[in-house]
Amino acid sequence: SKASYSPKSYNNKYGVPLSLFNINKNDDFGIFEIG
């Protein structure tokens, strides 16, 4: 399918919001990590 996921270890208070910017309109899935 189509998926976006957070780059490297973007899992803190800066990395998580920045990772959300990567989501595309036609993505079926978004995958994030939380540290």
PDB file of all heavy atoms in Angstrom:
ATOM      1  N   SER A   1       0.866  -1.196   0.000  1.00  0.00           N
ATOM      2  CA  SER A   1       0.000   0.000   0.000  1.00  0.00           C
ATOM      3  C   SER A   1       0.898   1.241   0.000  1.00  0.00           C
ATOM      4  O   SER A   1       2.032   1.170  -0.438  1.00  0.00           O
ATOM      5  CB  SER A   1      -0.907  -0.020   1.237  1.00  0.00           C
ATOM      6  OG  SER A   1      -0.119  -0.078   2.404  1.00  0.00           O
ATOM      7  N   LYS A   2       0.398   2.361   0.531  1.00  0.00           N
ATOM      8  CA  LYS A   2       1.216   3.588   0.616  1.00  0.00           C
ATOM      9  C   LYS A   2       1.382   3.969   2.089  1.00  0.00           C
ATOM     10  O   LYS A   2       0.393   4.085   2.819  1.00  0.00           O
ATOM     11  CB  LYS A   2       0.528   4.736  -0.138  1.00  0.00           C
ATOM     12  CG  LYS A   2       0.748   4.702  -1.643  1.00  0.00           C
ATOM     13  CD  LYS A   2       0.286   6.025  -2.252  1.00  0.00           C
ATOM     14  CE  LYS A   2       0.822   6.243  -3.652  1.00  0.00           C
ATOM     15  NZ  LYS A   2       0.353   5.260  -4.615  1.00  0.00           N
ATOM     16  N   ALA A   3       2.626   4.183   2.479  1.00  0.00           N
ATOM     17  CA  ALA A   3       2.880   4.502   3.887  1.00  0.00           C
ATOM     18  C   ALA A   3       3.988   5.536   4.032  1.00  0.00           C
ATOM     19  O   ALA A   3       4.924   5.579   3.233  1.00  0.00           O
ATOM     20  CB  ALA A   3       3.265   3.236   4.639  1.00  0.00           C
ATOM     21  N   SER A   4       3.862   6.380   5.063  1.00  0.00           N
ATOM     22  CA  SER A   4       4.949   7.285   5.459  1.00  0.00           C
ATOM     23  C   SER A   4       5.384   6.872   6.856  1.00  0.00           C
ATOM     24  O   SER A   4       4.562   6.455   7.671  1.00  0.00           O
ATOM     25  CB  SER A   4       4.470   8.735   5.510  1.00  0.00           C
ATOM     26  OG  SER A   4       4.267   9.222   4.208  1.00  0.00           O
ATOM     27  N   TYR A   5       6.681   7.001   7.127  1.00  0.00           N
ATOM     28  CA  TYR A   5       7.130   6.683   8.490  1.00  0.00           C
ATOM     29  C   TYR A   5       8.227   7.637   8.897  1.00  0.00           C
ATOM     30  O   TYR A   5       8.925   8.199   8.064  1.00  0.00           O
ATOM     31  CB  TYR A   5       7.569   5.221   8.614  1.00  0.00           C
ATOM     32  CG  TYR A   5       8.535   4.708   7.581  1.00  0.00           C
ATOM     33  CD1 TYR A   5       9.882   4.554   7.879  1.00  0.00           C
ATOM     34  CD2 TYR A   5       8.096   4.338   6.301  1.00  0.00           C
ATOM     35  CE1 TYR A   5      10.763   4.046   6.946  1.00  0.00           C
ATOM     36  CE2 TYR A   5       8.975   3.833   5.358  1.00  0.00           C
ATOM     37  CZ  TYR A   5      10.317   3.691   5.686  1.00  0.00           C
ATOM     38  OH  TYR A   5      11.193   3.190   4.762  1.00  0.00           O
ATOM     39  N   SER A   6       8.345   7.826  10.220  1.00  0.00           N
ATOM     40  CA  SER A   6       9.251   8.860  10.732  1.00  0.00           C
ATOM     41  C   SER A   6      10.694   8.544  10.372  1.00  0.00           C
ATOM     42  O   SER A   6      11.122   7.398  10.427  1.00  0.00           O
ATOM     43  CB  SER A   6       9.096   9.003  12.249  1.00  0.00           C
ATOM     44  OG  SER A   6       9.304   7.771  12.901  1.00  0.00           O
ATOM     45  N   PRO A   7      11.461   9.584   9.965  1.00  0.00           N
ATOM     46  CA  PRO A   7      12.864   9.344   9.592  1.00  0.00           C
ATOM     47  C   PRO A   7      13.734   9.073  10.808  1.00  0.00           C
ATOM     48  O   PRO A   7      13.480   9.600  11.888  1.00  0.00           O
ATOM     49  CB  PRO A   7      13.266  10.661   8.917  1.00  0.00           C
ATOM     50  CG  PRO A   7      12.325  11.684   9.457  1.00  0.00           C
ATOM     51  CD  PRO A   7      11.066  10.978   9.850  1.00  0.00           C
ATOM     52  N   LYS A   8      14.725   8.227  10.649  1.00  0.00           N
ATOM     53  CA  LYS A   8      15.717   7.915  11.695  1.00  0.00           C
ATOM     54  C   LYS A   8      15.027   7.653  13.035  1.00  0.00           C
ATOM     55  O   LYS A   8      14.063   6.922  13.102  1.00  0.00           O
ATOM     56  CB  LYS A   8      16.758   9.033  11.780  1.00  0.00           C
ATOM     57  CG  LYS A   8      17.549   9.197  10.497  1.00  0.00           C
ATOM     58  CD  LYS A   8      18.595  10.270  10.613  1.00  0.00           C
ATOM     59  CE  LYS A   8      19.336  10.442   9.300  1.00  0.00           C
ATOM     60  NZ  LYS A   8      20.300  11.535   9.347  1.00  0.00           N
ATOM     61  N   SER A   9      15.559   8.255  14.108  1.00  0.00           N
ATOM     62  CA  SER A   9      14.934   8.065  15.430  1.00  0.00           C
ATOM     63  C   SER A   9      14.217   9.346  15.858  1.00  0.00           C
ATOM     64  O   SER A   9      14.484   9.906  16.921  1.00  0.00           O
ATOM     65  CB  SER A   9      15.997   7.697  16.466  1.00  0.00           C
ATOM     66  OG  SER A   9      16.483   6.424  16.218  1.00  0.00           O
ATOM     67  N   TYR A  10      13.328   9.820  15.014  1.00  0.00           N
ATOM     68  CA  TYR A  10      12.572  11.041  15.337  1.00  0.00           C
ATOM     69  C   TYR A  10      11.459  10.686  16.315  1.00  0.00           C
ATOM     70  O   TYR A  10      10.318  10.513  15.937  1.00  0.00           O
ATOM     71  CB  TYR A  10      11.987  11.638  14.044  1.00  0.00           C
ATOM     72  CG  TYR A  10      12.943  12.537  13.279  1.00  0.00           C
ATOM     73  CD1 TYR A  10      14.303  12.276  13.249  1.00  0.00           C
ATOM     74  CD2 TYR A  10      12.474  13.657  12.591  1.00  0.00           C
ATOM     75  CE1 TYR A  10      15.176  13.092  12.553  1.00  0.00           C
ATOM     76  CE2 TYR A  10      13.354  14.484  11.883  1.00  0.00           C
ATOM     77  CZ  TYR A  10      14.702  14.193  11.872  1.00  0.00           C
ATOM     78  OH  TYR A  10      15.565  14.999  11.180  1.00  0.00           O
ATOM     79  N   ASN A  11      11.815  10.608  17.608  1.00  0.00           N
ATOM     80  CA  ASN A  11      10.815  10.102  18.549  1.00  0.00           C
ATOM     81  C   ASN A  11      10.628  10.964  19.793  1.00  0.00           C
ATOM     82  O   ASN A  11      10.047  10.532  20.770  1.00  0.00           O
ATOM     83  CB  ASN A  11      11.177   8.672  18.965  1.00  0.00           C
ATOM     84  CG  ASN A  11      12.532   8.565  19.658  1.00  0.00           C
ATOM     85  OD1 ASN A  11      13.057   9.545  20.174  1.00  0.00           O
ATOM     86  ND2 ASN A  11      13.082   7.361  19.670  1.00  0.00           N
ATOM     87  N   ASN A  12      11.125  12.241  19.725  1.00  0.00           N
ATOM     88  CA  ASN A  12      10.971  13.110  20.890  1.00  0.00           C
ATOM     89  C   ASN A  12      10.031  14.287  20.577  1.00  0.00           C
ATOM     90  O   ASN A  12       9.346  14.301  19.560  1.00  0.00           O
ATOM     91  CB  ASN A  12      12.333  13.602  21.392  1.00  0.00           C
ATOM     92  CG  ASN A  12      13.075  14.419  20.337  1.00  0.00           C
ATOM     93  OD1 ASN A  12      12.485  14.869  19.344  1.00  0.00           O
ATOM     94  ND2 ASN A  12      14.366  14.618  20.538  1.00  0.00           N
ATOM     95  N   LYS A  13      10.027  15.298  21.456  1.00  0.00           N
ATOM     96  CA  LYS A  13       9.048  16.409  21.318  1.00  0.00           C
ATOM     97  C   LYS A  13       9.248  17.227  20.048  1.00  0.00           C
ATOM     98  O   LYS A  13       8.346  17.941  19.617  1.00  0.00           O
ATOM     99  CB  LYS A  13       9.073  17.312  22.551  1.00  0.00           C
ATOM    100  CG  LYS A  13      10.393  18.022  22.799  1.00  0.00           C
ATOM    101  CD  LYS A  13      10.307  18.856  24.066  1.00  0.00           C
ATOM    102  CE  LYS A  13      11.648  19.539  24.358  1.00  0.00           C
ATOM    103  NZ  LYS A  13      11.591  20.323  25.590  1.00  0.00           N
ATOM    104  N   TYR A  14      10.454  17.141  19.449  1.00  0.00           N
ATOM    105  CA  TYR A  14      10.680  17.816  18.161  1.00  0.00           C
ATOM    106  C   TYR A  14      10.485  16.837  17.003  1.00  0.00           C
ATOM    107  O   TYR A  14       9.903  17.172  15.982  1.00  0.00           O
ATOM    108  CB  TYR A  14      12.108  18.397  18.098  1.00  0.00           C
ATOM    109  CG  TYR A  14      12.417  19.342  19.231  1.00  0.00           C
ATOM    110  CD1 TYR A  14      13.327  18.987  20.231  1.00  0.00           C
ATOM    111  CD2 TYR A  14      11.786  20.586  19.337  1.00  0.00           C
ATOM    112  CE1 TYR A  14      13.609  19.847  21.296  1.00  0.00           C
ATOM    113  CE2 TYR A  14      12.058  21.445  20.390  1.00  0.00           C
ATOM    114  CZ  TYR A  14      12.965  21.072  21.364  1.00  0.00           C
ATOM    115  OH  TYR A  14      13.231  21.919  22.407  1.00  0.00           O
ATOM    116  N   GLY A  15      10.993  15.643  17.187  1.00  0.00           N
ATOM    117  CA  GLY A  15      10.964  14.649  16.112  1.00  0.00           C
ATOM    118  C   GLY A  15       9.578  14.181  15.733  1.00  0.00           C
ATOM    119  O   GLY A  15       9.276  14.012  14.539  1.00  0.00           O
ATOM    120  N   VAL A  16       8.715  13.985  16.735  1.00  0.00           N
ATOM    121  CA  VAL A  16       7.358  13.485  16.447  1.00  0.00           C
ATOM    122  C   VAL A  16       6.550  14.492  15.620  1.00  0.00           C
ATOM    123  O   VAL A  16       6.000  14.134  14.576  1.00  0.00           O
ATOM    124  CB  VAL A  16       6.626  13.063  17.746  1.00  0.00           C
ATOM    125  CG1 VAL A  16       5.137  12.856  17.495  1.00  0.00           C
ATOM    126  CG2 VAL A  16       7.239  11.782  18.304  1.00  0.00           C
ATOM    127  N   PRO A  17       6.479  15.774  16.026  1.00  0.00           N
ATOM    128  CA  PRO A  17       5.747  16.738  15.180  1.00  0.00           C
ATOM    129  C   PRO A  17       6.334  16.846  13.767  1.00  0.00           C
ATOM    130  O   PRO A  17       5.602  16.897  12.778  1.00  0.00           O
ATOM    131  CB  PRO A  17       5.893  18.062  15.933  1.00  0.00           C
ATOM    132  CG  PRO A  17       6.138  17.685  17.345  1.00  0.00           C
ATOM    133  CD  PRO A  17       6.922  16.403  17.283  1.00  0.00           C
ATOM    134  N   LEU A  18       7.676  16.853  13.657  1.00  0.00           N
ATOM    135  CA  LEU A  18       8.314  16.920  12.334  1.00  0.00           C
ATOM    136  C   LEU A  18       7.956  15.705  11.484  1.00  0.00           C
ATOM    137  O   LEU A  18       7.749  15.819  10.279  1.00  0.00           O
ATOM    138  CB  LEU A  18       9.838  17.021  12.482  1.00  0.00           C
ATOM    139  CG  LEU A  18      10.392  18.379  12.923  1.00  0.00           C
ATOM    140  CD1 LEU A  18      11.867  18.274  13.262  1.00  0.00           C
ATOM    141  CD2 LEU A  18      10.167  19.451  11.859  1.00  0.00           C
ATOM    142  N   SER A  19       7.859  14.547  12.135  1.00  0.00           N
ATOM    143  CA  SER A  19       7.501  13.316  11.412  1.00  0.00           C
ATOM    144  C   SER A  19       6.091  13.397  10.850  1.00  0.00           C
ATOM    145  O   SER A  19       5.819  12.880   9.762  1.00  0.00           O
ATOM    146  CB  SER A  19       7.590  12.104  12.345  1.00  0.00           C
ATOM    147  OG  SER A  19       8.909  11.944  12.801  1.00  0.00           O
ATOM    148  N   LEU A  20       5.193  14.045  11.582  1.00  0.00           N
ATOM    149  CA  LEU A  20       3.806  14.182  11.103  1.00  0.00           C
ATOM    150  C   LEU A  20       3.744  15.013   9.830  1.00  0.00           C
ATOM    151  O   LEU A  20       2.840  14.843   9.012  1.00  0.00           O
ATOM    152  CB  LEU A  20       2.924  14.786  12.197  1.00  0.00           C
ATOM    153  CG  LEU A  20       2.377  13.768  13.214  1.00  0.00           C
ATOM    154  CD1 LEU A  20       1.966  14.448  14.502  1.00  0.00           C
ATOM    155  CD2 LEU A  20       1.209  12.977  12.649  1.00  0.00           C
ATOM    156  N   PHE A  21       4.728  15.915   9.648  1.00  0.00           N
ATOM    157  CA  PHE A  21       4.772  16.726   8.418  1.00  0.00           C
ATOM    158  C   PHE A  21       5.008  15.847   7.183  1.00  0.00           C
ATOM    159  O   PHE A  21       4.753  16.263   6.065  1.00  0.00           O
ATOM    160  CB  PHE A  21       5.901  17.769   8.491  1.00  0.00           C
ATOM    161  CG  PHE A  21       5.625  18.901   9.451  1.00  0.00           C
ATOM    162  CD1 PHE A  21       4.503  18.908  10.265  1.00  0.00           C
ATOM    163  CD2 PHE A  21       6.500  19.973   9.536  1.00  0.00           C
ATOM    164  CE1 PHE A  21       4.270  19.953  11.150  1.00  0.00           C
ATOM    165  CE2 PHE A  21       6.269  21.036  10.421  1.00  0.00           C
ATOM    166  CZ  PHE A  21       5.147  21.012  11.231  1.00  0.00           C
ATOM    167  N   ASN A  22       5.511  14.637   7.402  1.00  0.00           N
ATOM    168  CA  ASN A  22       5.833  13.741   6.281  1.00  0.00           C
ATOM    169  C   ASN A  22       4.625  13.013   5.712  1.00  0.00           C
ATOM    170  O   ASN A  22       4.720  12.380   4.663  1.00  0.00           O
ATOM    171  CB  ASN A  22       6.838  12.661   6.727  1.00  0.00           C
ATOM    172  CG  ASN A  22       8.241  13.211   6.823  1.00  0.00           C
ATOM    173  OD1 ASN A  22       8.531  14.252   6.251  1.00  0.00           O
ATOM    174  ND2 ASN A  22       9.105  12.536   7.545  1.00  0.00           N
ATOM    175  N   ILE A  23       3.521  13.039   6.437  1.00  0.00           N
ATOM    176  CA  ILE A  23       2.345  12.295   5.965  1.00  0.00           C
ATOM    177  C   ILE A  23       1.831  12.897   4.656  1.00  0.00           C
ATOM    178  O   ILE A  23       1.682  14.113   4.536  1.00  0.00           O
ATOM    179  CB  ILE A  23       1.209  12.316   7.017  1.00  0.00           C
ATOM    180  CG1 ILE A  23       1.603  11.494   8.234  1.00  0.00           C
ATOM    181  CG2 ILE A  23      -0.085  11.753   6.457  1.00  0.00           C
ATOM    182  CD1 ILE A  23       0.509  11.318   9.258  1.00  0.00           C
ATOM    183  N   ASN A  24       1.588  12.035   3.687  1.00  0.00           N
ATOM    184  CA  ASN A  24       1.030  12.476   2.401  1.00  0.00           C
ATOM    185  C   ASN A  24      -0.475  12.262   2.386  1.00  0.00           C
ATOM    186  O   ASN A  24      -0.995  11.404   3.105  1.00  0.00           O
ATOM    187  CB  ASN A  24       1.673  11.678   1.250  1.00  0.00           C
ATOM    188  CG  ASN A  24       3.165  11.968   1.164  1.00  0.00           C
ATOM    189  OD1 ASN A  24       3.580  13.116   1.185  1.00  0.00           O
ATOM    190  ND2 ASN A  24       3.969  10.914   1.107  1.00  0.00           N
ATOM    191  N   LYS A  25      -1.147  13.034   1.549  1.00  0.00           N
ATOM    192  CA  LYS A  25      -2.611  12.976   1.477  1.00  0.00           C
ATOM    193  C   LYS A  25      -3.136  11.585   1.133  1.00  0.00           C
ATOM    194  O   LYS A  25      -4.154  11.156   1.648  1.00  0.00           O
ATOM    195  CB  LYS A  25      -3.092  13.981   0.422  1.00  0.00           C
ATOM    196  CG  LYS A  25      -4.216  14.852   0.920  1.00  0.00           C
ATOM    197  CD  LYS A  25      -4.572  15.901  -0.108  1.00  0.00           C
ATOM    198  CE  LYS A  25      -4.963  17.190   0.608  1.00  0.00           C
ATOM    199  NZ  LYS A  25      -5.121  18.312  -0.321  1.00  0.00           N
ATOM    200  N   ASN A  26      -2.403  10.909   0.247  1.00  0.00           N
ATOM    201  CA  ASN A  26      -2.915   9.604  -0.210  1.00  0.00           C
ATOM    202  C   ASN A  26      -2.304   8.417   0.533  1.00  0.00           C
ATOM    203  O   ASN A  26      -2.400   7.276   0.094  1.00  0.00           O
ATOM    204  CB  ASN A  26      -2.682   9.445  -1.725  1.00  0.00           C
ATOM    205  CG  ASN A  26      -1.221   9.633  -2.095  1.00  0.00           C
ATOM    206  OD1 ASN A  26      -0.416  10.029  -1.260  1.00  0.00           O
ATOM    207  ND2 ASN A  26      -0.883   9.347  -3.346  1.00  0.00           N
ATOM    208  N   ASP A  27      -1.669   8.659   1.684  1.00  0.00           N
ATOM    209  CA  ASP A  27      -1.113   7.552   2.473  1.00  0.00           C
ATOM    210  C   ASP A  27      -2.217   6.718   3.101  1.00  0.00           C
ATOM    211  O   ASP A  27      -3.204   7.255   3.619  1.00  0.00           O
ATOM    212  CB  ASP A  27      -0.218   8.094   3.610  1.00  0.00           C
ATOM    213  CG  ASP A  27       1.177   8.436   3.134  1.00  0.00           C
ATOM    214  OD1 ASP A  27       1.589   7.908   2.087  1.00  0.00           O
ATOM    215  OD2 ASP A  27       1.861   9.233   3.809  1.00  0.00           O
ATOM    216  N   ASP A  28      -2.014   5.404   3.087  1.00  0.00           N
ATOM    217  CA  ASP A  28      -2.928   4.502   3.809  1.00  0.00           C
ATOM    218  C   ASP A  28      -2.479   4.338   5.257  1.00  0.00           C
ATOM    219  O   ASP A  28      -3.284   4.063   6.137  1.00  0.00           O
ATOM    220  CB  ASP A  28      -2.946   3.118   3.144  1.00  0.00           C
ATOM    221  CG  ASP A  28      -3.378   3.194   1.686  1.00  0.00           C
ATOM    222  OD1 ASP A  28      -4.463   3.740   1.444  1.00  0.00           O
ATOM    223  OD2 ASP A  28      -2.615   2.733   0.805  1.00  0.00           O
ATOM    224  N   PHE A  29      -1.160   4.491   5.475  1.00  0.00           N
ATOM    225  CA  PHE A  29      -0.612   4.267   6.808  1.00  0.00           C
ATOM    226  C   PHE A  29       0.440   5.315   7.159  1.00  0.00           C
ATOM    227  O   PHE A  29       1.176   5.774   6.295  1.00  0.00           O
ATOM    228  CB  PHE A  29       0.045   2.875   6.899  1.00  0.00           C
ATOM    229  CG  PHE A  29      -0.920   1.749   6.684  1.00  0.00           C
ATOM    230  CD1 PHE A  29      -1.061   1.171   5.426  1.00  0.00           C
ATOM    231  CD2 PHE A  29      -1.725   1.275   7.719  1.00  0.00           C
ATOM    232  CE1 PHE A  29      -1.959   0.146   5.201  1.00  0.00           C
ATOM    233  CE2 PHE A  29      -2.623   0.252   7.501  1.00  0.00           C
ATOM    234  CZ  PHE A  29      -2.755  -0.321   6.244  1.00  0.00           C
ATOM    235  N   GLY A  30       0.478   5.662   8.438  1.00  0.00           N
ATOM    236  CA  GLY A  30       1.543   6.509   8.979  1.00  0.00           C
ATOM    237  C   GLY A  30       2.113   5.788  10.187  1.00  0.00           C
ATOM    238  O   GLY A  30       1.352   5.326  11.048  1.00  0.00           O
ATOM    239  N   ILE A  31       3.438   5.656  10.248  1.00  0.00           N
ATOM    240  CA  ILE A  31       4.061   4.876  11.325  1.00  0.00           C
ATOM    241  C   ILE A  31       5.055   5.757  12.072  1.00  0.00           C
ATOM    242  O   ILE A  31       5.956   6.351  11.472  1.00  0.00           O
ATOM    243  CB  ILE A  31       4.763   3.618  10.753  1.00  0.00           C
ATOM    244  CG1 ILE A  31       3.777   2.797   9.917  1.00  0.00           C
ATOM    245  CG2 ILE A  31       5.329   2.756  11.878  1.00  0.00           C
ATOM    246  CD1 ILE A  31       4.358   2.194   8.687  1.00  0.00           C
ATOM    247  N   PHE A  32       4.899   5.814  13.382  1.00  0.00           N
ATOM    248  CA  PHE A  32       5.702   6.718  14.212  1.00  0.00           C
ATOM    249  C   PHE A  32       6.259   5.987  15.419  1.00  0.00           C
ATOM    250  O   PHE A  32       5.674   5.018  15.883  1.00  0.00           O
ATOM    251  CB  PHE A  32       4.845   7.905  14.692  1.00  0.00           C
ATOM    252  CG  PHE A  32       4.218   8.659  13.561  1.00  0.00           C
ATOM    253  CD1 PHE A  32       2.961   8.303  13.093  1.00  0.00           C
ATOM    254  CD2 PHE A  32       4.901   9.681  12.933  1.00  0.00           C
ATOM    255  CE1 PHE A  32       2.386   8.961  12.016  1.00  0.00           C
ATOM    256  CE2 PHE A  32       4.335  10.352  11.857  1.00  0.00           C
ATOM    257  CZ  PHE A  32       3.081   9.995  11.395  1.00  0.00           C
ATOM    258  N   GLU A  33       7.382   6.490  15.925  1.00  0.00           N
ATOM    259  CA  GLU A  33       7.908   5.928  17.172  1.00  0.00           C
ATOM    260  C   GLU A  33       7.890   6.990  18.256  1.00  0.00           C
ATOM    261  O   GLU A  33       8.034   8.187  17.982  1.00  0.00           O
ATOM    262  CB  GLU A  33       9.297   5.339  16.986  1.00  0.00           C
ATOM    263  CG  GLU A  33      10.363   6.297  16.544  1.00  0.00           C
ATOM    264  CD  GLU A  33      11.747   5.636  16.505  1.00  0.00           C
ATOM    265  OE1 GLU A  33      12.253   5.254  17.578  1.00  0.00           O
ATOM    266  OE2 GLU A  33      12.319   5.534  15.412  1.00  0.00           O
ATOM    267  N   ILE A  34       7.697   6.526  19.477  1.00  0.00           N
ATOM    268  CA  ILE A  34       7.618   7.434  20.629  1.00  0.00           C
ATOM    269  C   ILE A  34       8.675   7.015  21.646  1.00  0.00           C
ATOM    270  O   ILE A  34       8.643   5.908  22.181  1.00  0.00           O
ATOM    271  CB  ILE A  34       6.217   7.383  21.290  1.00  0.00           C
ATOM    272  CG1 ILE A  34       5.145   7.856  20.297  1.00  0.00           C
ATOM    273  CG2 ILE A  34       6.190   8.232  22.552  1.00  0.00           C
ATOM    274  CD1 ILE A  34       3.728   7.733  20.827  1.00  0.00           C
ATOM    275  N   GLY A  35       9.614   7.922  21.906  1.00  0.00           N
ATOM    276  CA  GLY A  35      10.630   7.659  22.917  1.00  0.00           C
ATOM    277  C   GLY A  35      10.327   8.424  24.191  1.00  0.00           C
ATOM    278  O   GLY A  35       9.377   9.209  24.251  1.00  0.00           O
TER     279      GLY A  35
END
